[in-house]
Amino acid sequence: MLIFGGLSIAILLLFQLSKFSLTNGPDSGDIFIIISGLLFIAIGFLINRFFNQGSKKEMRLVPDQQQLNKTQLSKQEYKVLSLMSDGLSNIEIAERLFIAESTVKTHVSRILGKLNAKRRTEAVKIGRDLQII
C-alpha cells in the first residue's frame, strides 16, 4: 500500500509540474516528458534497492564437517534439516526434493532421533548451535 500511495503521489505531483514548464516554447512538453521519465526511473531504482536489501537471504555458512560427521546425518537428512530451517512444511520439502511426503516424515523422525530433539524447531536450533545449518 505504501508503494502504491507513493507512486500515486508522484504521478499527481508530476501532473502539477506539467502546469509549470521550464520554458514557454513549443518544446516545453518534451522537457516535461524527459524530466518525468527520469523521475520515474529514479523512483523505480530506489524502490528496487529498498526491496532487494530486505529480501536478501543470508548466505549460508559452510557447515562444520566435523560436527556434521558427529551427528551421523545422511546427505538427504541434512538437506531435509536445511529445508526445515527455512520453515518449510513436509509437503513443501517433498516437492523441493522430489520425494514422497512419507519419506520426508521418515527423514524428520531420523533427524530428531540423531539430534536427540523432540520437535522440529528443537532440531533446527541444535543444527544451528552445531553450525551445520
N, C-alpha and C. Protein backbone atom coordinates (compact mmCIF):
# COMPACT_ATOMS: atom_id res chain seq x y z
N MET A 1 0.82 -1.18 0.00
CA MET A 1 0.00 0.00 0.00
C MET A 1 0.87 1.25 0.00
N LEU A 2 1.99 1.18 0.71
CA LEU A 2 2.86 2.35 0.76
C LEU A 2 3.45 2.66 -0.61
N ILE A 3 3.82 1.63 -1.35
CA ILE A 3 4.39 1.84 -2.67
C ILE A 3 3.35 2.44 -3.60
N PHE A 4 2.16 1.87 -3.59
CA PHE A 4 1.10 2.38 -4.45
C PHE A 4 0.78 3.83 -4.09
N GLY A 5 0.69 4.13 -2.81
CA GLY A 5 0.41 5.50 -2.39
C GLY A 5 1.51 6.45 -2.80
N GLY A 6 2.76 6.02 -2.64
CA GLY A 6 3.89 6.86 -3.04
C GLY A 6 3.91 7.13 -4.52
N LEU A 7 3.64 6.09 -5.31
CA LEU A 7 3.60 6.29 -6.77
C LEU A 7 2.44 7.18 -7.18
N SER A 8 1.31 7.05 -6.51
CA SER A 8 0.16 7.91 -6.82
C SER A 8 0.49 9.36 -6.53
N ILE A 9 1.14 9.61 -5.42
CA ILE A 9 1.54 10.98 -5.08
C ILE A 9 2.53 11.51 -6.12
N ALA A 10 3.48 10.66 -6.52
CA ALA A 10 4.47 11.07 -7.52
C ALA A 10 3.79 11.43 -8.83
N ILE A 11 2.83 10.64 -9.26
CA ILE A 11 2.13 10.93 -10.52
C ILE A 11 1.36 12.24 -10.41
N LEU A 12 0.67 12.43 -9.29
CA LEU A 12 -0.07 13.69 -9.11
C LEU A 12 0.86 14.89 -9.09
N LEU A 13 2.01 14.76 -8.45
CA LEU A 13 2.97 15.86 -8.45
C LEU A 13 3.50 16.14 -9.85
N LEU A 14 3.72 15.09 -10.62
CA LEU A 14 4.19 15.30 -11.99
C LEU A 14 3.15 16.02 -12.83
N PHE A 15 1.88 15.70 -12.63
CA PHE A 15 0.84 16.41 -13.35
C PHE A 15 0.80 17.88 -12.95
N GLN A 16 1.03 18.15 -11.68
CA GLN A 16 1.08 19.54 -11.23
C GLN A 16 2.29 20.26 -11.82
N LEU A 17 3.41 19.55 -11.93
CA LEU A 17 4.60 20.15 -12.52
C LEU A 17 4.42 20.46 -14.00
N SER A 18 3.56 19.71 -14.66
CA SER A 18 3.34 19.97 -16.09
C SER A 18 2.75 21.34 -16.33
N LYS A 19 2.06 21.88 -15.33
CA LYS A 19 1.49 23.23 -15.47
C LYS A 19 2.58 24.28 -15.45
N PHE A 20 3.70 23.97 -14.76
CA PHE A 20 4.79 24.93 -14.63
C PHE A 20 5.98 24.42 -15.44
N SER A 21 5.94 24.60 -16.72
CA SER A 21 7.03 24.12 -17.57
C SER A 21 8.22 25.06 -17.46
N LEU A 22 9.38 24.54 -17.80
CA LEU A 22 10.59 25.33 -17.68
C LEU A 22 10.64 26.45 -18.72
N THR A 23 10.09 26.20 -19.86
CA THR A 23 10.05 27.23 -20.91
C THR A 23 8.63 27.30 -21.44
N ASN A 24 8.33 28.39 -22.06
CA ASN A 24 7.00 28.55 -22.61
C ASN A 24 6.97 28.24 -24.10
N GLY A 25 8.06 27.71 -24.60
CA GLY A 25 8.15 27.44 -26.03
C GLY A 25 7.46 26.15 -26.41
N PRO A 26 7.53 25.77 -27.69
CA PRO A 26 6.87 24.56 -28.18
C PRO A 26 7.51 23.27 -27.65
N ASP A 27 8.73 23.34 -27.14
CA ASP A 27 9.42 22.14 -26.65
C ASP A 27 9.18 21.89 -25.16
N SER A 28 8.32 22.67 -24.54
CA SER A 28 8.12 22.53 -23.10
C SER A 28 7.51 21.17 -22.75
N GLY A 29 6.67 20.62 -23.59
CA GLY A 29 6.09 19.29 -23.35
C GLY A 29 7.14 18.21 -23.39
N ASP A 30 8.08 18.32 -24.31
CA ASP A 30 9.15 17.33 -24.40
C ASP A 30 10.03 17.35 -23.15
N ILE A 31 10.31 18.53 -22.67
CA ILE A 31 11.15 18.65 -21.48
C ILE A 31 10.43 18.01 -20.29
N PHE A 32 9.14 18.26 -20.17
CA PHE A 32 8.37 17.67 -19.09
C PHE A 32 8.39 16.15 -19.16
N ILE A 33 8.23 15.59 -20.35
CA ILE A 33 8.24 14.14 -20.51
C ILE A 33 9.59 13.57 -20.11
N ILE A 34 10.67 14.23 -20.50
CA ILE A 34 12.02 13.75 -20.16
C ILE A 34 12.22 13.80 -18.65
N ILE A 35 11.83 14.91 -18.03
CA ILE A 35 12.02 15.04 -16.58
C ILE A 35 11.17 14.01 -15.83
N SER A 36 9.92 13.83 -16.26
CA SER A 36 9.07 12.85 -15.57
C SER A 36 9.59 11.43 -15.77
N GLY A 37 10.11 11.13 -16.96
CA GLY A 37 10.69 9.80 -17.19
C GLY A 37 11.89 9.54 -16.30
N LEU A 38 12.76 10.55 -16.18
CA LEU A 38 13.93 10.40 -15.31
C LEU A 38 13.51 10.25 -13.85
N LEU A 39 12.47 11.00 -13.45
CA LEU A 39 11.99 10.89 -12.08
C LEU A 39 11.44 9.49 -11.79
N PHE A 40 10.69 8.93 -12.74
CA PHE A 40 10.15 7.59 -12.53
C PHE A 40 11.26 6.53 -12.53
N ILE A 41 12.29 6.72 -13.33
CA ILE A 41 13.42 5.80 -13.30
C ILE A 41 14.10 5.85 -11.93
N ALA A 42 14.28 7.06 -11.40
CA ALA A 42 14.91 7.21 -10.08
C ALA A 42 14.04 6.58 -9.00
N ILE A 43 12.73 6.79 -9.06
CA ILE A 43 11.83 6.19 -8.07
C ILE A 43 11.88 4.67 -8.16
N GLY A 44 11.86 4.13 -9.37
CA GLY A 44 11.94 2.68 -9.56
C GLY A 44 13.24 2.11 -9.03
N PHE A 45 14.33 2.83 -9.27
CA PHE A 45 15.64 2.39 -8.78
C PHE A 45 15.65 2.35 -7.25
N LEU A 46 15.13 3.40 -6.61
CA LEU A 46 15.10 3.44 -5.16
C LEU A 46 14.22 2.34 -4.57
N ILE A 47 13.07 2.10 -5.17
CA ILE A 47 12.18 1.05 -4.69
C ILE A 47 12.85 -0.32 -4.84
N ASN A 48 13.52 -0.54 -5.97
CA ASN A 48 14.22 -1.80 -6.21
C ASN A 48 15.31 -2.02 -5.16
N ARG A 49 16.08 -0.99 -4.86
CA ARG A 49 17.14 -1.12 -3.85
C ARG A 49 16.54 -1.42 -2.49
N PHE A 50 15.43 -0.75 -2.16
CA PHE A 50 14.79 -0.96 -0.86
C PHE A 50 14.35 -2.41 -0.71
N PHE A 51 13.68 -2.96 -1.74
CA PHE A 51 13.18 -4.32 -1.63
C PHE A 51 14.27 -5.36 -1.75
N ASN A 52 15.31 -5.12 -2.52
CA ASN A 52 16.38 -6.10 -2.63
C ASN A 52 17.20 -6.19 -1.36
N GLN A 53 17.34 -5.09 -0.62
CA GLN A 53 18.07 -5.15 0.64
C GLN A 53 17.29 -5.96 1.67
N GLY A 54 15.97 -5.81 1.70
CA GLY A 54 15.16 -6.51 2.69
C GLY A 54 15.00 -7.98 2.40
N SER A 55 15.08 -8.37 1.11
CA SER A 55 14.80 -9.75 0.77
C SER A 55 16.04 -10.60 0.55
N LYS A 56 17.21 -10.04 0.70
CA LYS A 56 18.41 -10.83 0.51
C LYS A 56 18.49 -11.88 1.59
N LYS A 57 18.69 -13.10 1.16
CA LYS A 57 18.83 -14.18 2.14
C LYS A 57 20.25 -14.16 2.67
N GLU A 58 20.34 -14.54 3.91
CA GLU A 58 21.67 -14.66 4.48
C GLU A 58 22.41 -15.76 3.73
N MET A 59 23.68 -15.48 3.47
CA MET A 59 24.47 -16.51 2.81
C MET A 59 24.68 -17.64 3.79
N ARG A 60 24.46 -18.84 3.31
CA ARG A 60 24.63 -19.99 4.18
C ARG A 60 26.11 -20.20 4.45
N LEU A 61 26.40 -20.45 5.69
CA LEU A 61 27.76 -20.75 6.06
C LEU A 61 28.09 -22.17 5.64
N VAL A 62 29.34 -22.40 5.40
CA VAL A 62 29.79 -23.76 5.10
C VAL A 62 29.62 -24.56 6.38
N PRO A 63 28.93 -25.70 6.32
CA PRO A 63 28.70 -26.46 7.54
C PRO A 63 30.00 -26.99 8.12
N ASP A 64 30.04 -27.06 9.41
CA ASP A 64 31.19 -27.62 10.11
C ASP A 64 31.19 -29.13 9.88
N GLN A 65 32.12 -29.59 9.06
CA GLN A 65 32.14 -31.00 8.66
C GLN A 65 32.33 -31.93 9.85
N GLN A 66 33.14 -31.53 10.82
CA GLN A 66 33.36 -32.40 11.97
C GLN A 66 32.06 -32.58 12.75
N GLN A 67 31.36 -31.48 12.97
CA GLN A 67 30.09 -31.57 13.69
C GLN A 67 29.06 -32.36 12.88
N LEU A 68 29.07 -32.15 11.56
CA LEU A 68 28.14 -32.87 10.69
C LEU A 68 28.41 -34.37 10.74
N ASN A 69 29.68 -34.73 10.75
CA ASN A 69 30.04 -36.15 10.84
C ASN A 69 29.63 -36.74 12.20
N LYS A 70 29.73 -35.93 13.26
CA LYS A 70 29.35 -36.42 14.59
C LYS A 70 27.85 -36.71 14.68
N THR A 71 27.05 -35.94 13.97
CA THR A 71 25.61 -36.15 14.02
C THR A 71 25.19 -37.40 13.26
N GLN A 72 26.03 -37.86 12.35
CA GLN A 72 25.76 -39.03 11.51
C GLN A 72 24.54 -38.85 10.62
N LEU A 73 24.25 -37.60 10.24
CA LEU A 73 23.15 -37.35 9.31
C LEU A 73 23.57 -37.73 7.90
N SER A 74 22.68 -38.37 7.18
CA SER A 74 22.96 -38.66 5.77
C SER A 74 22.82 -37.37 4.97
N LYS A 75 23.25 -37.40 3.72
CA LYS A 75 23.14 -36.21 2.87
C LYS A 75 21.69 -35.78 2.71
N GLN A 76 20.82 -36.75 2.52
CA GLN A 76 19.39 -36.43 2.34
C GLN A 76 18.80 -35.88 3.64
N GLU A 77 19.17 -36.44 4.77
CA GLU A 77 18.68 -35.93 6.05
C GLU A 77 19.19 -34.51 6.28
N TYR A 78 20.43 -34.25 5.87
CA TYR A 78 20.98 -32.91 6.00
C TYR A 78 20.19 -31.92 5.14
N LYS A 79 19.84 -32.33 3.92
CA LYS A 79 19.03 -31.47 3.04
C LYS A 79 17.67 -31.19 3.67
N VAL A 80 17.07 -32.22 4.25
CA VAL A 80 15.76 -32.05 4.89
C VAL A 80 15.89 -31.10 6.08
N LEU A 81 16.92 -31.26 6.89
CA LEU A 81 17.14 -30.38 8.04
C LEU A 81 17.34 -28.93 7.58
N SER A 82 18.08 -28.75 6.51
CA SER A 82 18.32 -27.42 5.97
C SER A 82 17.01 -26.78 5.52
N LEU A 83 16.16 -27.54 4.85
CA LEU A 83 14.87 -27.02 4.40
C LEU A 83 13.92 -26.79 5.58
N MET A 84 14.05 -27.63 6.61
CA MET A 84 13.26 -27.40 7.83
C MET A 84 13.64 -26.07 8.45
N SER A 85 14.92 -25.73 8.39
CA SER A 85 15.38 -24.47 8.99
C SER A 85 14.85 -23.27 8.22
N ASP A 86 14.47 -23.48 6.96
CA ASP A 86 13.86 -22.41 6.17
C ASP A 86 12.37 -22.28 6.46
N GLY A 87 11.85 -23.16 7.31
CA GLY A 87 10.44 -23.08 7.70
C GLY A 87 9.49 -23.81 6.77
N LEU A 88 10.00 -24.71 5.94
CA LEU A 88 9.14 -25.44 5.01
C LEU A 88 8.42 -26.58 5.70
N SER A 89 7.22 -26.86 5.23
CA SER A 89 6.45 -27.99 5.75
C SER A 89 6.93 -29.28 5.07
N ASN A 90 6.41 -30.41 5.55
CA ASN A 90 6.79 -31.70 4.95
C ASN A 90 6.43 -31.75 3.48
N ILE A 91 5.26 -31.23 3.13
CA ILE A 91 4.82 -31.25 1.73
C ILE A 91 5.75 -30.40 0.87
N GLU A 92 6.10 -29.22 1.37
CA GLU A 92 6.99 -28.33 0.61
C GLU A 92 8.38 -28.94 0.45
N ILE A 93 8.87 -29.59 1.50
CA ILE A 93 10.18 -30.25 1.42
C ILE A 93 10.12 -31.38 0.39
N ALA A 94 9.03 -32.15 0.41
CA ALA A 94 8.88 -33.25 -0.54
C ALA A 94 8.88 -32.72 -1.98
N GLU A 95 8.20 -31.60 -2.20
CA GLU A 95 8.17 -31.03 -3.55
C GLU A 95 9.54 -30.55 -3.98
N ARG A 96 10.27 -29.94 -3.06
CA ARG A 96 11.60 -29.42 -3.40
C ARG A 96 12.59 -30.54 -3.72
N LEU A 97 12.51 -31.63 -2.95
CA LEU A 97 13.47 -32.72 -3.11
C LEU A 97 12.97 -33.83 -4.04
N PHE A 98 11.75 -33.67 -4.53
CA PHE A 98 11.15 -34.66 -5.44
C PHE A 98 11.07 -36.04 -4.81
N ILE A 99 10.59 -36.06 -3.57
CA ILE A 99 10.39 -37.32 -2.86
C ILE A 99 8.99 -37.31 -2.26
N ALA A 100 8.57 -38.45 -1.76
CA ALA A 100 7.23 -38.56 -1.17
C ALA A 100 7.20 -37.92 0.21
N GLU A 101 6.02 -37.46 0.58
CA GLU A 101 5.86 -36.84 1.90
C GLU A 101 6.17 -37.84 3.02
N SER A 102 5.80 -39.10 2.80
CA SER A 102 6.09 -40.11 3.82
C SER A 102 7.60 -40.29 4.00
N THR A 103 8.36 -40.12 2.92
CA THR A 103 9.82 -40.20 3.01
C THR A 103 10.36 -39.04 3.82
N VAL A 104 9.78 -37.87 3.62
CA VAL A 104 10.20 -36.70 4.40
C VAL A 104 9.92 -36.95 5.89
N LYS A 105 8.74 -37.51 6.18
CA LYS A 105 8.41 -37.80 7.58
C LYS A 105 9.41 -38.76 8.19
N THR A 106 9.84 -39.75 7.41
CA THR A 106 10.84 -40.71 7.89
C THR A 106 12.15 -40.00 8.16
N HIS A 107 12.57 -39.13 7.23
CA HIS A 107 13.81 -38.37 7.43
C HIS A 107 13.72 -37.49 8.67
N VAL A 108 12.59 -36.82 8.85
CA VAL A 108 12.42 -35.93 10.01
C VAL A 108 12.52 -36.73 11.30
N SER A 109 11.88 -37.89 11.35
CA SER A 109 11.95 -38.69 12.59
C SER A 109 13.37 -39.17 12.85
N ARG A 110 14.11 -39.52 11.79
CA ARG A 110 15.51 -39.93 11.97
C ARG A 110 16.37 -38.76 12.42
N ILE A 111 16.10 -37.58 11.87
CA ILE A 111 16.84 -36.37 12.28
C ILE A 111 16.60 -36.10 13.75
N LEU A 112 15.33 -36.18 14.16
CA LEU A 112 15.01 -35.93 15.56
C LEU A 112 15.73 -36.93 16.46
N GLY A 113 15.79 -38.17 16.05
CA GLY A 113 16.48 -39.19 16.84
C GLY A 113 17.98 -38.95 16.91
N LYS A 114 18.59 -38.62 15.77
CA LYS A 114 20.04 -38.43 15.74
C LYS A 114 20.47 -37.17 16.49
N LEU A 115 19.61 -36.17 16.52
CA LEU A 115 19.96 -34.93 17.21
C LEU A 115 19.38 -34.87 18.63
N ASN A 116 18.72 -35.94 19.05
CA ASN A 116 18.08 -36.00 20.38
C ASN A 116 17.14 -34.81 20.58
N ALA A 117 16.32 -34.57 19.59
CA ALA A 117 15.36 -33.47 19.66
C ALA A 117 13.95 -34.04 19.74
N LYS A 118 13.06 -33.28 20.36
CA LYS A 118 11.67 -33.72 20.47
C LYS A 118 10.79 -33.11 19.39
N ARG A 119 11.18 -31.92 18.91
CA ARG A 119 10.39 -31.22 17.90
C ARG A 119 11.29 -30.72 16.79
N ARG A 120 10.66 -30.37 15.67
CA ARG A 120 11.40 -29.84 14.52
C ARG A 120 12.16 -28.58 14.89
N THR A 121 11.51 -27.71 15.64
CA THR A 121 12.17 -26.45 16.00
C THR A 121 13.40 -26.68 16.87
N GLU A 122 13.31 -27.68 17.73
CA GLU A 122 14.45 -28.02 18.56
C GLU A 122 15.58 -28.59 17.71
N ALA A 123 15.24 -29.39 16.71
CA ALA A 123 16.25 -29.94 15.81
C ALA A 123 16.95 -28.82 15.03
N VAL A 124 16.18 -27.85 14.58
CA VAL A 124 16.77 -26.71 13.85
C VAL A 124 17.69 -25.93 14.77
N LYS A 125 17.26 -25.72 16.02
CA LYS A 125 18.10 -24.99 16.98
C LYS A 125 19.40 -25.73 17.24
N ILE A 126 19.31 -27.03 17.40
CA ILE A 126 20.51 -27.84 17.62
C ILE A 126 21.42 -27.75 16.40
N GLY A 127 20.83 -27.84 15.21
CA GLY A 127 21.62 -27.73 13.99
C GLY A 127 22.34 -26.39 13.87
N ARG A 128 21.66 -25.34 14.28
CA ARG A 128 22.30 -24.01 14.25
C ARG A 128 23.37 -23.91 15.32
N ASP A 129 23.11 -24.47 16.49
CA ASP A 129 24.12 -24.44 17.56
C ASP A 129 25.37 -25.20 17.14
N LEU A 130 25.17 -26.29 16.42
CA LEU A 130 26.32 -27.09 15.95
C LEU A 130 26.97 -26.48 14.71
N GLN A 131 26.36 -25.43 14.18
CA GLN A 131 26.83 -24.72 12.98
C GLN A 131 26.87 -25.63 11.76
N ILE A 132 25.84 -26.47 11.63
CA ILE A 132 25.74 -27.30 10.43
C ILE A 132 24.69 -26.76 9.47
N ILE A 133 23.84 -25.86 9.95
CA ILE A 133 22.89 -25.18 9.07
C ILE A 133 22.97 -23.68 9.30
